[in-house]
Structures are given as C-alpha cells and as structure tokens.
PDB file of N, CA and C in Angstrom:
ATOM      1  N   UNK A   1      75.311 175.818  44.005  1.00  0.00           N
ATOM      2  CA  UNK A   1      74.549 176.987  44.358  1.00  0.00           C
ATOM      3  C   UNK A   1      73.073 176.691  44.191  1.00  0.00           C
ATOM      4  N   UNK A   2      72.347 176.858  45.253  1.00  0.00           N
ATOM      5  CA  UNK A   2      70.910 176.638  45.207  1.00  0.00           C
ATOM      6  C   UNK A   2      70.243 177.933  44.769  1.00  0.00           C
ATOM      7  N   UNK A   3      69.281 177.775  43.888  1.00  0.00           N
ATOM      8  CA  UNK A   3      68.548 178.953  43.410  1.00  0.00           C
ATOM      9  C   UNK A   3      67.424 179.262  44.391  1.00  0.00           C
ATOM     10  N   UNK A   4      67.305 180.534  44.738  1.00  0.00           N
ATOM     11  CA  UNK A   4      66.207 180.970  45.596  1.00  0.00           C
ATOM     12  C   UNK A   4      65.011 181.287  44.707  1.00  0.00           C
ATOM     13  N   UNK A   5      63.928 180.591  44.936  1.00  0.00           N
ATOM     14  CA  UNK A   5      62.726 180.782  44.120  1.00  0.00           C
ATOM     15  C   UNK A   5      61.671 181.431  44.995  1.00  0.00           C
ATOM     16  N   UNK A   6      61.059 182.452  44.462  1.00  0.00           N
ATOM     17  CA  UNK A   6      59.964 183.122  45.164  1.00  0.00           C
ATOM     18  C   UNK A   6      58.680 182.408  44.762  1.00  0.00           C
ATOM     19  N   UNK A   7      58.184 181.560  45.661  1.00  0.00           N
ATOM     20  CA  UNK A   7      57.018 180.742  45.355  1.00  0.00           C
ATOM     21  C   UNK A   7      55.740 181.576  45.222  1.00  0.00           C
ATOM     22  N   UNK A   8      55.753 182.775  45.769  1.00  0.00           N
ATOM     23  CA  UNK A   8      54.534 183.594  45.686  1.00  0.00           C
ATOM     24  C   UNK A   8      54.295 184.115  44.276  1.00  0.00           C
ATOM     25  N   UNK A   9      55.328 184.193  43.458  1.00  0.00           N
ATOM     26  CA  UNK A   9      55.176 184.719  42.098  1.00  0.00           C
ATOM     27  C   UNK A   9      54.953 183.617  41.060  1.00  0.00           C
ATOM     28  N   UNK A  10      54.985 182.362  41.482  1.00  0.00           N
ATOM     29  CA  UNK A  10      54.804 181.247  40.536  1.00  0.00           C
ATOM     30  C   UNK A  10      53.317 180.952  40.340  1.00  0.00           C
ATOM     31  N   UNK A  11      52.999 180.634  39.095  1.00  0.00           N
ATOM     32  CA  UNK A  11      51.640 180.200  38.793  1.00  0.00           C
ATOM     33  C   UNK A  11      51.503 178.746  39.241  1.00  0.00           C
ATOM     34  N   UNK A  12      50.293 178.245  39.395  1.00  0.00           N
ATOM     35  CA  UNK A  12      50.128 176.834  39.807  1.00  0.00           C
ATOM     36  C   UNK A  12      50.814 175.852  38.867  1.00  0.00           C
ATOM     37  N   UNK A  13      50.782 176.120  37.566  1.00  0.00           N
ATOM     38  CA  UNK A  13      51.432 175.199  36.630  1.00  0.00           C
ATOM     39  C   UNK A  13      52.955 175.263  36.778  1.00  0.00           C
ATOM     40  N   UNK A  14      53.508 176.450  37.041  1.00  0.00           N
ATOM     41  CA  UNK A  14      54.944 176.563  37.257  1.00  0.00           C
ATOM     42  C   UNK A  14      55.350 175.876  38.569  1.00  0.00           C
ATOM     43  N   UNK A  15      54.485 176.008  39.564  1.00  0.00           N
ATOM     44  CA  UNK A  15      54.748 175.352  40.845  1.00  0.00           C
ATOM     45  C   UNK A  15      54.771 173.833  40.662  1.00  0.00           C
ATOM     46  N   UNK A  16      53.836 173.299  39.882  1.00  0.00           N
ATOM     47  CA  UNK A  16      53.790 171.862  39.623  1.00  0.00           C
ATOM     48  C   UNK A  16      55.026 171.432  38.829  1.00  0.00           C
ATOM     49  N   UNK A  17      55.430 172.258  37.849  1.00  0.00           N
ATOM     50  CA  UNK A  17      56.622 171.958  37.067  1.00  0.00           C
ATOM     51  C   UNK A  17      57.854 171.912  37.974  1.00  0.00           C
ATOM     52  N   UNK A  18      57.968 172.857  38.876  1.00  0.00           N
ATOM     53  CA  UNK A  18      59.098 172.895  39.799  1.00  0.00           C
ATOM     54  C   UNK A  18      59.111 171.646  40.692  1.00  0.00           C
ATOM     55  N   UNK A  19      57.957 171.256  41.183  1.00  0.00           N
ATOM     56  CA  UNK A  19      57.871 170.062  42.024  1.00  0.00           C
ATOM     57  C   UNK A  19      58.262 168.805  41.253  1.00  0.00           C
ATOM     58  N   UNK A  20      57.821 168.728  39.994  1.00  0.00           N
ATOM     59  CA  UNK A  20      58.164 167.566  39.161  1.00  0.00           C
ATOM     60  C   UNK A  20      59.664 167.545  38.863  1.00  0.00           C
ATOM     61  N   UNK A  21      60.261 168.719  38.659  1.00  0.00           N
ATOM     62  CA  UNK A  21      61.708 168.769  38.424  1.00  0.00           C
ATOM     63  C   UNK A  21      62.466 168.284  39.660  1.00  0.00           C
ATOM     64  N   UNK A  22      61.992 168.684  40.826  1.00  0.00           N
ATOM     65  CA  UNK A  22      62.617 168.237  42.064  1.00  0.00           C
ATOM     66  C   UNK A  22      62.462 166.718  42.226  1.00  0.00           C
ATOM     67  N   UNK A  23      61.283 166.232  41.892  1.00  0.00           N
ATOM     68  CA  UNK A  23      61.035 164.793  41.966  1.00  0.00           C
ATOM     69  C   UNK A  23      61.928 164.041  40.987  1.00  0.00           C
ATOM     70  N   UNK A  24      62.089 164.584  39.771  1.00  0.00           N
ATOM     71  CA  UNK A  24      62.947 163.973  38.757  1.00  0.00           C
ATOM     72  C   UNK A  24      64.400 163.948  39.220  1.00  0.00           C
ATOM     73  N   UNK A  25      64.870 165.028  39.826  1.00  0.00           N
ATOM     74  CA  UNK A  25      66.246 165.073  40.329  1.00  0.00           C
ATOM     75  C   UNK A  25      66.434 164.023  41.433  1.00  0.00           C
ATOM     76  N   UNK A  26      65.447 163.866  42.276  1.00  0.00           N
ATOM     77  CA  UNK A  26      65.517 162.843  43.322  1.00  0.00           C
ATOM     78  C   UNK A  26      65.565 161.439  42.738  1.00  0.00           C
ATOM     79  N   UNK A  27      64.775 161.194  41.683  1.00  0.00           N
ATOM     80  CA  UNK A  27      64.779 159.881  41.034  1.00  0.00           C
ATOM     81  C   UNK A  27      66.122 159.597  40.366  1.00  0.00           C
ATOM     82  N   UNK A  28      66.712 160.619  39.759  1.00  0.00           N
ATOM     83  CA  UNK A  28      68.027 160.421  39.141  1.00  0.00           C
ATOM     84  C   UNK A  28      69.075 160.083  40.202  1.00  0.00           C
ATOM     85  N   UNK A  29      69.018 160.766  41.347  1.00  0.00           N
ATOM     86  CA  UNK A  29      69.955 160.458  42.430  1.00  0.00           C
ATOM     87  C   UNK A  29      69.730 159.035  42.934  1.00  0.00           C
ATOM     88  N   UNK A  30      68.481 158.611  43.011  1.00  0.00           N
ATOM     89  CA  UNK A  30      68.155 157.255  43.446  1.00  0.00           C
ATOM     90  C   UNK A  30      68.672 156.220  42.451  1.00  0.00           C
ATOM     91  N   UNK A  31      68.522 156.500  41.159  1.00  0.00           N
ATOM     92  CA  UNK A  31      69.040 155.580  40.137  1.00  0.00           C
ATOM     93  C   UNK A  31      70.554 155.460  40.229  1.00  0.00           C
ATOM     94  N   UNK A  32      71.232 156.585  40.433  1.00  0.00           N
ATOM     95  CA  UNK A  32      72.684 156.565  40.535  1.00  0.00           C
ATOM     96  C   UNK A  32      73.121 155.775  41.777  1.00  0.00           C
ATOM     97  N   UNK A  33      72.449 156.005  42.891  1.00  0.00           N
ATOM     98  CA  UNK A  33      72.786 155.266  44.112  1.00  0.00           C
ATOM     99  C   UNK A  33      72.505 153.773  43.927  1.00  0.00           C
ATOM    100  N   UNK A  34      71.422 153.436  43.234  1.00  0.00           N
ATOM    101  CA  UNK A  34      71.092 152.027  42.981  1.00  0.00           C
ATOM    102  C   UNK A  34      72.146 151.377  42.089  1.00  0.00           C
ATOM    103  N   UNK A  35      72.600 152.112  41.073  1.00  0.00           N
ATOM    104  CA  UNK A  35      73.626 151.569  40.182  1.00  0.00           C
ATOM    105  C   UNK A  35      74.922 151.317  40.954  1.00  0.00           C
ATOM    106  N   UNK A  36      75.282 152.223  41.865  1.00  0.00           N
ATOM    107  CA  UNK A  36      76.478 152.021  42.671  1.00  0.00           C
ATOM    108  C   UNK A  36      76.313 150.819  43.595  1.00  0.00           C
ATOM    109  N   UNK A  37      75.124 150.637  44.134  1.00  0.00           N
ATOM    110  CA  UNK A  37      74.853 149.497  45.003  1.00  0.00           C
ATOM    111  C   UNK A  37      74.960 148.185  44.224  1.00  0.00           C
ATOM    112  N   UNK A  38      74.418 148.170  43.012  1.00  0.00           N
ATOM    113  CA  UNK A  38      74.506 146.967  42.178  1.00  0.00           C
ATOM    114  C   UNK A  38      75.958 146.663  41.853  1.00  0.00           C
ATOM    115  N   UNK A  39      76.742 147.700  41.542  1.00  0.00           N
ATOM    116  CA  UNK A  39      78.160 147.510  41.234  1.00  0.00           C
ATOM    117  C   UNK A  39      78.898 146.926  42.439  1.00  0.00           C
ATOM    118  N   UNK A  40      78.626 147.444  43.617  1.00  0.00           N
ATOM    119  CA  UNK A  40      79.270 146.914  44.823  1.00  0.00           C
ATOM    120  C   UNK A  40      78.849 145.475  45.080  1.00  0.00           C
ATOM    121  N   UNK A  41      77.578 145.169  44.859  1.00  0.00           N
ATOM    122  CA  UNK A  41      77.094 143.799  45.066  1.00  0.00           C
ATOM    123  C   UNK A  41      77.761 142.840  44.079  1.00  0.00           C
ATOM    124  N   UNK A  42      77.959 143.272  42.837  1.00  0.00           N
ATOM    125  CA  UNK A  42      78.631 142.418  41.849  1.00  0.00           C
ATOM    126  C   UNK A  42      80.085 142.181  42.242  1.00  0.00           C
ATOM    127  N   UNK A  43      80.767 143.231  42.729  1.00  0.00           N
ATOM    128  CA  UNK A  43      82.149 143.057  43.175  1.00  0.00           C
ATOM    129  C   UNK A  43      82.211 142.106  44.360  1.00  0.00           C
ATOM    130  N   UNK A  44      81.249 142.226  45.269  1.00  0.00           N
ATOM    131  CA  UNK A  44      81.187 141.328  46.416  1.00  0.00           C
ATOM    132  C   UNK A  44      80.970 139.883  45.958  1.00  0.00           C
ATOM    133  N   UNK A  45      80.124 139.703  44.939  1.00  0.00           N
ATOM    134  CA  UNK A  45      79.901 138.365  44.384  1.00  0.00           C
ATOM    135  C   UNK A  45      81.169 137.790  43.772  1.00  0.00           C
ATOM    136  N   UNK A  46      81.923 138.626  43.048  1.00  0.00           N
ATOM    137  CA  UNK A  46      83.178 138.167  42.460  1.00  0.00           C
ATOM    138  C   UNK A  46      84.175 137.785  43.544  1.00  0.00           C
ATOM    139  N   UNK A  47      84.248 138.610  44.596  1.00  0.00           N
ATOM    140  CA  UNK A  47      85.162 138.315  45.688  1.00  0.00           C
ATOM    141  C   UNK A  47      84.752 137.027  46.404  1.00  0.00           C
ATOM    142  N   UNK A  48      83.461 136.796  46.516  1.00  0.00           N
ATOM    143  CA  UNK A  48      82.979 135.560  47.142  1.00  0.00           C
ATOM    144  C   UNK A  48      83.370 134.348  46.310  1.00  0.00           C
ATOM    145  N   UNK A  49      83.288 134.480  44.995  1.00  0.00           N
ATOM    146  CA  UNK A  49      83.699 133.374  44.125  1.00  0.00           C
ATOM    147  C   UNK A  49      85.186 133.085  44.274  1.00  0.00           C
ATOM    148  N   UNK A  50      85.992 134.148  44.378  1.00  0.00           N
ATOM    149  CA  UNK A  50      87.434 133.955  44.567  1.00  0.00           C
ATOM    150  C   UNK A  50      87.688 133.248  45.894  1.00  0.00           C
ATOM    151  N   UNK A  51      86.978 133.665  46.934  1.00  0.00           N
ATOM    152  CA  UNK A  51      87.144 133.024  48.238  1.00  0.00           C
ATOM    153  C   UNK A  51      86.688 131.569  48.195  1.00  0.00           C
ATOM    154  N   UNK A  52      85.621 131.288  47.471  1.00  0.00           N
ATOM    155  CA  UNK A  52      85.142 129.906  47.360  1.00  0.00           C
ATOM    156  C   UNK A  52      86.169 129.045  46.636  1.00  0.00           C
ATOM    157  N   UNK A  53      86.764 129.580  45.571  1.00  0.00           N
ATOM    158  CA  UNK A  53      87.797 128.830  44.854  1.00  0.00           C
ATOM    159  C   UNK A  53      89.003 128.583  45.752  1.00  0.00           C
ATOM    160  N   UNK A  54      89.374 129.595  46.541  1.00  0.00           N
ATOM    161  CA  UNK A  54      90.479 129.421  47.481  1.00  0.00           C
ATOM    162  C   UNK A  54      90.157 128.379  48.530  1.00  0.00           C
ATOM    163  N   UNK A  55      88.916 128.357  48.983  1.00  0.00           N
ATOM    164  CA  UNK A  55      88.501 127.349  49.960  1.00  0.00           C
ATOM    165  C   UNK A  55      88.585 125.949  49.394  1.00  0.00           C
ATOM    166  N   UNK A  56      88.219 125.797  48.126  1.00  0.00           N
ATOM    167  CA  UNK A  56      88.330 124.480  47.484  1.00  0.00           C
ATOM    168  C   UNK A  56      89.785 124.047  47.396  1.00  0.00           C
ATOM    169  N   UNK A  57      90.663 124.988  47.059  1.00  0.00           N
ATOM    170  CA  UNK A  57      92.091 124.651  46.963  1.00  0.00           C
ATOM    171  C   UNK A  57      92.626 124.248  48.329  1.00  0.00           C
ATOM    172  N   UNK A  58      92.234 124.978  49.364  1.00  0.00           N
ATOM    173  CA  UNK A  58      92.685 124.630  50.716  1.00  0.00           C
ATOM    174  C   UNK A  58      92.135 123.269  51.118  1.00  0.00           C
ATOM    175  N   UNK A  59      90.899 122.985  50.742  1.00  0.00           N
ATOM    176  CA  UNK A  59      90.312 121.678  51.039  1.00  0.00           C
ATOM    177  C   UNK A  59      91.072 120.547  50.365  1.00  0.00           C
ATOM    178  N   UNK A  60      91.506 120.772  49.130  1.00  0.00           N
ATOM    179  CA  UNK A  60      92.270 119.741  48.432  1.00  0.00           C
ATOM    180  C   UNK A  60      93.613 119.502  49.107  1.00  0.00           C
ATOM    181  N   UNK A  61      94.246 120.586  49.558  1.00  0.00           N
ATOM    182  CA  UNK A  61      95.522 120.438  50.254  1.00  0.00           C
ATOM    183  C   UNK A  61      95.314 119.704  51.570  1.00  0.00           C
ATOM    184  N   UNK A  62      94.281 120.093  52.306  1.00  0.00           N
ATOM    185  CA  UNK A  62      94.012 119.448  53.588  1.00  0.00           C
ATOM    186  C   UNK A  62      93.662 117.969  53.413  1.00  0.00           C
ATOM    187  N   UNK A  63      92.989 117.652  52.330  1.00  0.00           N
ATOM    188  CA  UNK A  63      92.637 116.266  52.047  1.00  0.00           C
ATOM    189  C   UNK A  63      93.887 115.435  51.765  1.00  0.00           C
ATOM    190  N   UNK A  64      94.951 116.065  51.292  1.00  0.00           N
ATOM    191  CA  UNK A  64      96.170 115.360  50.930  1.00  0.00           C
ATOM    192  C   UNK A  64      97.082 115.105  52.134  1.00  0.00           C
ATOM    193  N   UNK A  65      96.899 115.830  53.242  1.00  0.00           N
ATOM    194  CA  UNK A  65      97.800 115.693  54.384  1.00  0.00           C
ATOM    195  C   UNK A  65      97.861 114.279  54.966  1.00  0.00           C
ATOM    196  N   UNK A  66      96.764 113.543  55.111  1.00  0.00           N
ATOM    197  CA  UNK A  66      96.906 112.172  55.634  1.00  0.00           C
ATOM    198  C   UNK A  66      97.843 111.310  54.784  1.00  0.00           C
ATOM    199  N   UNK A  67      97.786 111.511  53.468  1.00  0.00           N
ATOM    200  CA  UNK A  67      98.684 110.755  52.595  1.00  0.00           C
ATOM    201  C   UNK A  67     100.135 111.177  52.833  1.00  0.00           C
ATOM    202  N   UNK A  68     100.361 112.464  52.997  1.00  0.00           N
ATOM    203  CA  UNK A  68     101.713 112.960  53.248  1.00  0.00           C
ATOM    204  C   UNK A  68     102.245 112.378  54.556  1.00  0.00           C
ATOM    205  N   UNK A  69     101.416 112.373  55.596  1.00  0.00           N
ATOM    206  CA  UNK A  69     101.860 111.831  56.875  1.00  0.00           C
ATOM    207  C   UNK A  69     102.107 110.325  56.799  1.00  0.00           C
ATOM    208  N   UNK A  70     101.301 109.614  56.015  1.00  0.00           N
ATOM    209  CA  UNK A  70     101.548 108.173  55.880  1.00  0.00           C
ATOM    210  C   UNK A  70     102.874 107.916  55.165  1.00  0.00           C
ATOM    211  N   UNK A  71     103.208 108.750  54.190  1.00  0.00           N
ATOM    212  CA  UNK A  71     104.495 108.616  53.508  1.00  0.00           C
ATOM    213  C   UNK A  71     105.632 108.930  54.480  1.00  0.00           C
ATOM    214  N   UNK A  72     105.459 109.964  55.288  1.00  0.00           N
ATOM    215  CA  UNK A  72     106.489 110.296  56.275  1.00  0.00           C
ATOM    216  C   UNK A  72     106.660 109.179  57.291  1.00  0.00           C
ATOM    217  N   UNK A  73     105.577 108.511  57.651  1.00  0.00           N
ATOM    218  CA  UNK A  73     105.679 107.381  58.570  1.00  0.00           C
ATOM    219  C   UNK A  73     106.456 106.232  57.949  1.00  0.00           C
ATOM    220  N   UNK A  74     106.400 106.077  56.635  1.00  0.00           N
ATOM    221  CA  UNK A  74     107.188 105.040  55.974  1.00  0.00           C
ATOM    222  C   UNK A  74     108.677 105.316  56.143  1.00  0.00           C
ATOM    223  N   UNK A  75     109.062 106.575  56.098  1.00  0.00           N
ATOM    224  CA  UNK A  75     110.463 106.921  56.293  1.00  0.00           C
ATOM    225  C   UNK A  75     110.866 106.756  57.759  1.00  0.00           C
ATOM    226  N   UNK A  76     109.925 106.933  58.646  1.00  0.00           N
ATOM    227  CA  UNK A  76     110.211 106.814  60.070  1.00  0.00           C
ATOM    228  C   UNK A  76     110.447 105.360  60.466  1.00  0.00           C
ATOM    229  N   UNK A  77     109.779 104.424  59.797  1.00  0.00           N
ATOM    230  CA  UNK A  77     109.891 102.994  60.116  1.00  0.00           C
ATOM    231  C   UNK A  77     110.367 102.248  58.876  1.00  0.00           C
ATOM    232  N   UNK A  78     111.648 102.265  58.581  1.00  0.00           N
ATOM    233  CA  UNK A  78     112.118 101.592  57.364  1.00  0.00           C
ATOM    234  C   UNK A  78     111.939 100.084  57.457  1.00  0.00           C
ATOM    235  N   UNK A  79     111.401  99.505  56.402  1.00  0.00           N
ATOM    236  CA  UNK A  79     111.239  98.063  56.314  1.00  0.00           C
ATOM    237  C   UNK A  79     109.988  97.537  56.973  1.00  0.00           C
ATOM    238  N   UNK A  80     109.239  98.356  57.674  1.00  0.00           N
ATOM    239  CA  UNK A  80     108.043  97.870  58.351  1.00  0.00           C
ATOM    240  C   UNK A  80     106.953  97.502  57.363  1.00  0.00           C
ATOM    241  N   UNK A  81     106.877  98.174  56.261  1.00  0.00           N
ATOM    242  CA  UNK A  81     105.827  97.897  55.295  1.00  0.00           C
ATOM    243  C   UNK A  81     106.229  96.869  54.263  1.00  0.00           C
ATOM    244  N   UNK A  82     107.492  96.479  54.230  1.00  0.00           N
ATOM    245  CA  UNK A  82     107.968  95.555  53.202  1.00  0.00           C
ATOM    246  C   UNK A  82     108.194  94.184  53.831  1.00  0.00           C
ATOM    247  N   UNK A  83     107.238  93.268  53.652  1.00  0.00           N
ATOM    248  CA  UNK A  83     107.351  91.914  54.217  1.00  0.00           C
ATOM    249  C   UNK A  83     107.828  90.904  53.185  1.00  0.00           C
ATOM    250  N   UNK A  84     107.991  91.294  51.929  1.00  0.00           N
ATOM    251  CA  UNK A  84     108.372  90.348  50.881  1.00  0.00           C
ATOM    252  C   UNK A  84     109.879  90.136  50.827  1.00  0.00           C
ATOM    253  N   UNK A  85     110.641  90.945  51.533  1.00  0.00           N
ATOM    254  CA  UNK A  85     112.094  90.798  51.483  1.00  0.00           C
ATOM    255  C   UNK A  85     112.558  89.650  52.384  1.00  0.00           C
ATOM    256  N   UNK A  86     113.528  88.971  51.908  1.00  0.00           N
ATOM    257  CA  UNK A  86     114.164  87.938  52.717  1.00  0.00           C
ATOM    258  C   UNK A  86     115.587  88.411  52.991  1.00  0.00           C
ATOM    259  N   UNK A  87     115.909  88.799  54.226  1.00  0.00           N
ATOM    260  CA  UNK A  87     117.223  89.369  54.507  1.00  0.00           C
ATOM    261  C   UNK A  87     118.365  88.373  54.309  1.00  0.00           C
ATOM    262  N   UNK A  88     118.095  87.101  54.349  1.00  0.00           N
ATOM    263  CA  UNK A  88     119.170  86.113  54.191  1.00  0.00           C
ATOM    264  C   UNK A  88     119.612  86.014  52.742  1.00  0.00           C
ATOM    265  N   UNK A  89     118.719  86.196  51.783  1.00  0.00           N
ATOM    266  CA  UNK A  89     119.058  86.020  50.379  1.00  0.00           C
ATOM    267  C   UNK A  89     119.522  87.308  49.717  1.00  0.00           C
ATOM    268  N   UNK A  90     119.162  88.439  50.294  1.00  0.00           N
ATOM    269  CA  UNK A  90     119.556  89.708  49.673  1.00  0.00           C
ATOM    270  C   UNK A  90     120.721  90.304  50.411  1.00  0.00           C
ATOM    271  N   UNK A  91     121.482  91.046  49.666  1.00  0.00           N
ATOM    272  CA  UNK A  91     122.567  91.756  50.333  1.00  0.00           C
ATOM    273  C   UNK A  91     121.988  92.995  51.021  1.00  0.00           C
ATOM    274  N   UNK A  92     122.561  93.429  52.076  1.00  0.00           N
ATOM    275  CA  UNK A  92     122.001  94.567  52.824  1.00  0.00           C
ATOM    276  C   UNK A  92     121.946  95.822  51.946  1.00  0.00           C
ATOM    277  N   UNK A  93     120.841  96.467  52.066  1.00  0.00           N
ATOM    278  CA  UNK A  93     120.649  97.686  51.281  1.00  0.00           C
ATOM    279  C   UNK A  93     121.154  98.884  52.048  1.00  0.00           C
ATOM    280  N   UNK A  94     121.420  99.888  51.286  1.00  0.00           N
ATOM    281  CA  UNK A  94     121.837 101.154  51.873  1.00  0.00           C
ATOM    282  C   UNK A  94     120.640 101.746  52.625  1.00  0.00           C
ATOM    283  N   UNK A  95     120.812 102.246  53.838  1.00  0.00           N
ATOM    284  CA  UNK A  95     119.665 102.783  54.577  1.00  0.00           C
ATOM    285  C   UNK A  95     119.111 104.036  53.895  1.00  0.00           C
ATOM    286  N   UNK A  96     117.819 104.227  54.075  1.00  0.00           N
ATOM    287  CA  UNK A  96     117.184 105.413  53.502  1.00  0.00           C
ATOM    288  C   UNK A  96     117.724 106.660  54.180  1.00  0.00           C
ATOM    289  N   UNK A  97     117.870 107.717  53.427  1.00  0.00           N
ATOM    290  CA  UNK A  97     118.360 108.946  54.066  1.00  0.00           C
ATOM    291  C   UNK A  97     117.354 109.435  55.093  1.00  0.00           C
ATOM    292  N   UNK A  98     117.860 109.970  56.156  1.00  0.00           N
ATOM    293  CA  UNK A  98     116.998 110.453  57.235  1.00  0.00           C
ATOM    294  C   UNK A  98     116.540 111.878  56.903  1.00  0.00           C
ATOM    295  N   UNK A  99     115.262 112.131  57.136  1.00  0.00           N
ATOM    296  CA  UNK A  99     114.734 113.467  56.901  1.00  0.00           C
ATOM    297  C   UNK A  99     115.233 114.392  57.999  1.00  0.00           C
ATOM    298  N   UNK A 100     115.667 115.568  57.598  1.00  0.00           N
ATOM    299  CA  UNK A 100     116.220 116.528  58.546  1.00  0.00           C
ATOM    300  C   UNK A 100     115.448 117.819  58.419  1.00  0.00           C
ATOM    301  N   UNK A 101     115.079 118.384  59.553  1.00  0.00           N
ATOM    302  CA  UNK A 101     114.395 119.672  59.546  1.00  0.00           C
ATOM    303  C   UNK A 101     115.450 120.756  59.703  1.00  0.00           C
ATOM    304  N   UNK A 102     115.506 121.653  58.714  1.00  0.00           N
ATOM    305  CA  UNK A 102     116.435 122.760  58.768  1.00  0.00           C
ATOM    306  C   UNK A 102     115.700 123.998  59.255  1.00  0.00           C
ATOM    307  N   UNK A 103     116.245 124.678  60.231  1.00  0.00           N
ATOM    308  CA  UNK A 103     115.562 125.880  60.724  1.00  0.00           C
ATOM    309  C   UNK A 103     115.640 126.991  59.688  1.00  0.00           C
ATOM    310  N   UNK A 104     114.578 127.721  59.577  1.00  0.00           N
ATOM    311  CA  UNK A 104     114.536 128.858  58.665  1.00  0.00           C
ATOM    312  C   UNK A 104     114.736 130.113  59.492  1.00  0.00           C
ATOM    313  N   UNK A 105     115.660 130.933  59.073  1.00  0.00           N
ATOM    314  CA  UNK A 105     115.894 132.174  59.802  1.00  0.00           C
ATOM    315  C   UNK A 105     116.057 133.309  58.802  1.00  0.00           C
ATOM    316  N   UNK A 106     116.127 134.522  59.315  1.00  0.00           N
ATOM    317  CA  UNK A 106     116.309 135.684  58.451  1.00  0.00           C
ATOM    318  C   UNK A 106     117.658 135.620  57.759  1.00  0.00           C
ATOM    319  N   UNK A 107     117.789 136.370  56.677  1.00  0.00           N
ATOM    320  CA  UNK A 107     119.044 136.362  55.942  1.00  0.00           C
ATOM    321  C   UNK A 107     120.153 137.044  56.734  1.00  0.00           C
ATOM    322  N   UNK A 108     119.823 137.799  57.767  1.00  0.00           N
ATOM    323  CA  UNK A 108     120.804 138.475  58.599  1.00  0.00           C
ATOM    324  C   UNK A 108     121.623 137.452  59.400  1.00  0.00           C
ATOM    325  N   UNK A 109     120.964 136.341  59.756  1.00  0.00           N
ATOM    326  CA  UNK A 109     121.633 135.326  60.556  1.00  0.00           C
ATOM    327  C   UNK A 109     122.594 134.559  59.670  1.00  0.00           C
ATOM    328  N   UNK A 110     123.825 134.412  60.108  1.00  0.00           N
ATOM    329  CA  UNK A 110     124.796 133.700  59.298  1.00  0.00           C
ATOM    330  C   UNK A 110     124.752 132.211  59.599  1.00  0.00           C
ATOM    331  N   UNK A 111     125.177 131.410  58.642  1.00  0.00           N
ATOM    332  CA  UNK A 111     125.195 129.964  58.781  1.00  0.00           C
ATOM    333  C   UNK A 111     126.469 129.594  59.535  1.00  0.00           C
ATOM    334  N   UNK A 112     126.396 128.708  60.560  1.00  0.00           N
ATOM    335  CA  UNK A 112     127.592 128.303  61.295  1.00  0.00           C
ATOM    336  C   UNK A 112     128.607 127.653  60.365  1.00  0.00           C
ATOM    337  N   UNK A 113     129.865 127.776  60.701  1.00  0.00           N
ATOM    338  CA  UNK A 113     130.954 127.258  59.848  1.00  0.00           C
ATOM    339  C   UNK A 113     130.859 125.749  59.712  1.00  0.00           C
ATOM    340  N   UNK A 114     130.366 125.050  60.725  1.00  0.00           N
ATOM    341  CA  UNK A 114     130.288 123.584  60.667  1.00  0.00           C
ATOM    342  C   UNK A 114     129.242 123.129  59.648  1.00  0.00           C
ATOM    343  N   UNK A 115     128.242 123.951  59.383  1.00  0.00           N
ATOM    344  CA  UNK A 115     127.175 123.578  58.453  1.00  0.00           C
ATOM    345  C   UNK A 115     127.578 123.842  57.011  1.00  0.00           C
ATOM    346  N   UNK A 116     128.623 124.582  56.790  1.00  0.00           N
ATOM    347  CA  UNK A 116     129.023 124.921  55.409  1.00  0.00           C
ATOM    348  C   UNK A 116     129.734 123.806  54.837  1.00  0.00           C
TER     349      UNK A 116
END
C-alpha cells in the first residue's frame, strides 16, 4: 500500500527528509539486486569450473582412444606384432578369442533360444 502524501502541507525539511527516504529505499533495492547478481555470478563460476573439469576428463578419455584402437588392432592381426616366435620350435598356441559385438536392446526384447 502506497501512502498518499500531501506535498503542499510539508515543510521544506520534511520534503527533503521524504526525498532522502525515497533515495535510501532505492539504494537498498539496488544493494539487494546487486547481491543477487553477485550470487548468480558465483553460481555461474562454479558451474563453469564443473564444466572445465568435465572437459578435462573428456580430453583424457579422448587421448586414450588411439591406444585402445592400437590394442584392438593387435587382436585383429594375431601374430603380426610378434616376430620373436619360431613356429617350428614351438607347439601351436591356442588362437586368441575373437572379439564379438553384442547388440544392446531394450529389456522387452527377448534373447533368441540359440543364444542361451
């Protein structure tokens, strides 16, 4: 509720007091808005730090992929990297298991009887 003030009945000192009170109320609103802005900026800074940490983790994973692919290539070409073996002196080794990609589906889909 806004108070209706009759400015014609106010003395000059009361008028100045009223103006200063209005100015003070405006400054308090400005301080409150500034505090909210600072709080939002701090939250944004924290979120940026979380995103930066996540970016570093993703970078580490991405940096590891060439190594993963080189290991997978070793499974794709058995014996290509091993030149120290002499097949005549050693007995044949058991072949490395072949990597198999299994399809991922919803739990609603049942597994075929042959795969069980």
